[in-house]
Amino acid sequence: MDYREPVKDFEPVSIRTVNSRINGAKSHGPVTPEGKERSSQNARKHGLTARRSVVIDPEEESEYLRYHESMLKALNPEDEVQETLAEIVVRSAWRLRLFLDVEADFMRDNLEKGSRLHHAFTYNGMHDRFAVLSRYQVNIERTLYKALDDLRRRQSESKQALPSASLM
């Protein structure tokens, strides 16, 4: 091979690329169960879109469990389908309560004393953030009321089916 011939398989690599590869090889994520649990919560900011019910601290957990039990008792599901719908109602209602807290925190943190809502949302860039929160609220409410309507309809249908079955 002539020393003047360029090497054909060589591509120049930036220092940034090399450093990224070196740093990327160092970390493989959390190893312990505690670390994995903690990292699973990294993206959570408010819990409004979480797949499962969000409970922040032990005091809130006991409140949630009392709320959950009380709501299920009030909803009185009669079969597995109704239990599923009742669970959706309870979780959505809990999220709606959580939303009201998030909304209050948002307002308290982003509105200066003496400022008007219009000014705060228009000039402080809060309009877009509040619009996202409002969409979450609408989605939570829609889920709650749809599940509640479905549950009530199924309960009504099962009650109507009982008398006709006894006539046979």
Protein backbone atom coordinates (compact mmCIF):
# COMPACT_ATOMS: atom_id res chain seq x y z
CA MET A 1 0.00 0.00 0.00
CA ASP A 2 1.28 3.38 -0.97
CA TYR A 3 1.55 5.80 1.95
CA ARG A 4 -0.02 8.48 -0.24
CA GLU A 5 -3.26 6.50 -0.72
CA PRO A 6 -6.10 7.51 1.65
CA VAL A 7 -7.47 4.85 3.91
CA LYS A 8 -10.84 3.90 2.46
CA ASP A 9 -12.63 2.65 5.60
CA PHE A 10 -11.73 5.65 7.73
CA GLU A 11 -14.36 8.26 8.56
CA PRO A 12 -13.48 11.29 10.62
CA VAL A 13 -15.20 11.26 14.04
CA SER A 14 -15.74 14.37 16.07
CA ILE A 15 -14.43 14.69 19.61
CA ARG A 16 -18.01 15.19 20.76
CA THR A 17 -19.02 11.83 19.26
CA VAL A 18 -16.09 10.07 20.92
CA ASN A 19 -16.88 11.67 24.30
CA SER A 20 -20.55 10.74 23.95
CA ARG A 21 -19.64 7.12 23.30
CA ILE A 22 -17.27 7.03 26.29
CA ASN A 23 -19.82 8.61 28.64
CA GLY A 24 -22.64 6.43 27.31
CA ALA A 25 -20.65 3.30 28.07
CA LYS A 26 -20.32 4.30 31.73
CA SER A 27 -23.99 4.34 32.79
CA HIS A 28 -26.43 1.49 32.56
CA GLY A 29 -29.19 2.94 34.73
CA PRO A 30 -30.21 2.16 38.27
CA VAL A 31 -29.36 -1.25 39.69
CA THR A 32 -31.09 -1.44 43.06
CA PRO A 33 -34.88 -1.80 43.41
CA GLU A 34 -34.96 1.55 45.26
CA GLY A 35 -33.08 3.25 42.44
CA LYS A 36 -35.35 1.71 39.82
CA GLU A 37 -38.46 2.85 41.70
CA ARG A 38 -37.06 6.36 42.09
CA SER A 39 -36.09 6.61 38.42
CA SER A 40 -39.52 5.37 37.34
CA GLN A 41 -40.89 8.64 38.75
CA ASN A 42 -38.45 10.92 36.90
CA ALA A 43 -40.92 12.16 34.32
CA ARG A 44 -43.78 12.71 36.76
CA LYS A 45 -44.53 16.34 37.35
CA HIS A 46 -48.13 16.38 38.52
CA GLY A 47 -49.60 12.89 38.11
CA LEU A 48 -52.59 14.01 36.07
CA THR A 49 -51.78 11.68 33.19
CA ALA A 50 -50.34 8.79 35.17
CA ARG A 51 -51.43 5.24 34.36
CA ARG A 52 -52.09 4.48 37.99
CA SER A 53 -53.38 6.61 40.84
CA VAL A 54 -50.78 8.99 42.12
CA VAL A 55 -50.21 9.21 45.86
CA ILE A 56 -47.44 11.55 46.89
CA ASP A 57 -46.90 10.92 50.61
CA PRO A 58 -47.99 8.45 53.33
CA GLU A 59 -50.62 10.82 54.75
CA GLU A 60 -52.14 11.21 51.32
CA GLU A 61 -52.02 7.45 50.80
CA SER A 62 -54.22 6.79 53.81
CA GLU A 63 -56.57 9.54 52.63
CA TYR A 64 -56.68 7.94 49.17
CA LEU A 65 -57.43 4.50 50.62
CA ARG A 66 -60.30 5.92 52.71
CA TYR A 67 -61.59 7.82 49.68
CA HIS A 68 -61.28 4.74 47.47
CA GLU A 69 -63.18 2.53 49.91
CA SER A 70 -65.89 5.14 50.50
CA MET A 71 -66.41 5.75 46.79
CA LEU A 72 -66.59 2.04 45.96
CA LYS A 73 -69.14 1.55 48.71
CA ALA A 74 -71.23 4.46 47.38
CA LEU A 75 -70.98 3.25 43.77
CA ASN A 76 -71.96 -0.31 44.80
CA PRO A 77 -70.64 -2.29 41.80
CA GLU A 78 -72.39 -5.65 41.34
CA ASP A 79 -70.10 -7.52 38.94
CA GLU A 80 -66.58 -7.34 37.50
CA VAL A 81 -67.50 -4.97 34.68
CA GLN A 82 -69.15 -2.62 37.13
CA GLU A 83 -66.13 -2.91 39.43
CA THR A 84 -63.87 -1.88 36.56
CA LEU A 85 -66.08 1.11 35.77
CA ALA A 86 -66.23 2.03 39.46
CA GLU A 87 -62.41 1.92 39.64
CA ILE A 88 -62.22 4.29 36.67
CA VAL A 89 -64.68 6.63 38.40
CA VAL A 90 -62.72 6.57 41.67
CA ARG A 91 -59.34 7.15 40.02
CA SER A 92 -60.70 9.90 37.79
CA ALA A 93 -62.40 11.63 40.71
CA TRP A 94 -59.15 11.43 42.69
CA ARG A 95 -57.24 12.91 39.75
CA LEU A 96 -59.79 15.68 39.49
CA ARG A 97 -59.18 16.50 43.15
CA LEU A 98 -55.45 16.40 42.44
CA PHE A 99 -55.99 18.70 39.47
CA LEU A 100 -57.65 21.30 41.67
CA ASP A 101 -54.56 21.28 43.92
CA VAL A 102 -52.23 21.55 40.91
CA GLU A 103 -54.31 24.41 39.50
CA ALA A 104 -54.22 26.28 42.83
CA ASP A 105 -50.44 25.78 43.07
CA PHE A 106 -50.04 26.96 39.48
CA MET A 107 -52.02 30.12 40.15
CA ARG A 108 -50.23 30.85 43.42
CA ASP A 109 -46.78 30.30 41.90
CA ASN A 110 -47.36 32.21 38.67
CA LEU A 111 -49.51 35.16 39.54
CA GLU A 112 -47.78 38.11 41.09
CA LYS A 113 -49.54 40.12 43.74
CA GLY A 114 -51.73 42.76 42.15
CA SER A 115 -51.42 41.39 38.63
CA ARG A 116 -54.46 40.69 36.55
CA LEU A 117 -55.14 37.28 35.02
CA HIS A 118 -55.07 38.69 31.50
CA HIS A 119 -51.68 40.26 32.06
CA ALA A 120 -50.28 37.17 33.74
CA PHE A 121 -51.42 34.80 31.00
CA THR A 122 -50.61 37.07 28.08
CA TYR A 123 -47.33 38.64 29.06
CA ASN A 124 -45.81 36.11 31.43
CA GLY A 125 -46.15 33.15 29.04
CA MET A 126 -48.55 31.30 31.32
CA HIS A 127 -51.35 30.94 28.78
CA ASP A 128 -49.86 27.85 27.11
CA ARG A 129 -49.15 26.13 30.40
CA PHE A 130 -52.62 26.82 31.71
CA ALA A 131 -54.13 25.58 28.43
CA VAL A 132 -52.34 22.24 28.91
CA LEU A 133 -53.69 21.98 32.46
CA SER A 134 -57.17 22.78 31.18
CA ARG A 135 -56.93 19.99 28.59
CA TYR A 136 -55.94 17.58 31.35
CA GLN A 137 -58.95 18.68 33.36
CA VAL A 138 -61.33 18.20 30.42
CA ASN A 139 -59.92 14.71 29.74
CA ILE A 140 -60.22 13.71 33.40
CA GLU A 141 -63.79 14.98 33.60
CA ARG A 142 -64.75 13.26 30.34
CA THR A 143 -63.34 9.95 31.59
CA LEU A 144 -65.06 10.36 34.95
CA TYR A 145 -68.51 11.17 33.59
CA LYS A 146 -68.38 8.57 30.81
CA ALA A 147 -67.45 5.80 33.26
CA LEU A 148 -70.08 7.01 35.73
CA ASP A 149 -72.77 7.06 33.01
CA ASP A 150 -71.74 3.57 31.84
CA LEU A 151 -71.80 2.28 35.41
CA ARG A 152 -75.24 3.74 36.14
CA ARG A 153 -76.62 2.39 32.85
CA ARG A 154 -75.30 -1.12 33.57
CA GLN A 155 -76.66 -1.02 37.11
CA SER A 156 -80.05 0.10 35.81
CA GLU A 157 -80.07 -2.66 33.18
CA SER A 158 -79.18 -5.34 35.75
CA LYS A 159 -81.97 -4.15 38.07
CA GLN A 160 -84.49 -4.23 35.21
CA ALA A 161 -83.38 -7.72 34.21
CA LEU A 162 -83.99 -9.18 37.69
CA PRO A 163 -87.83 -8.91 37.78
CA SER A 164 -88.27 -10.31 34.27
CA ALA A 165 -86.00 -13.27 35.08
CA SER A 166 -88.08 -14.16 38.12
CA LEU A 167 -91.27 -14.33 36.02
CA MET A 168 -89.96 -17.24 33.96
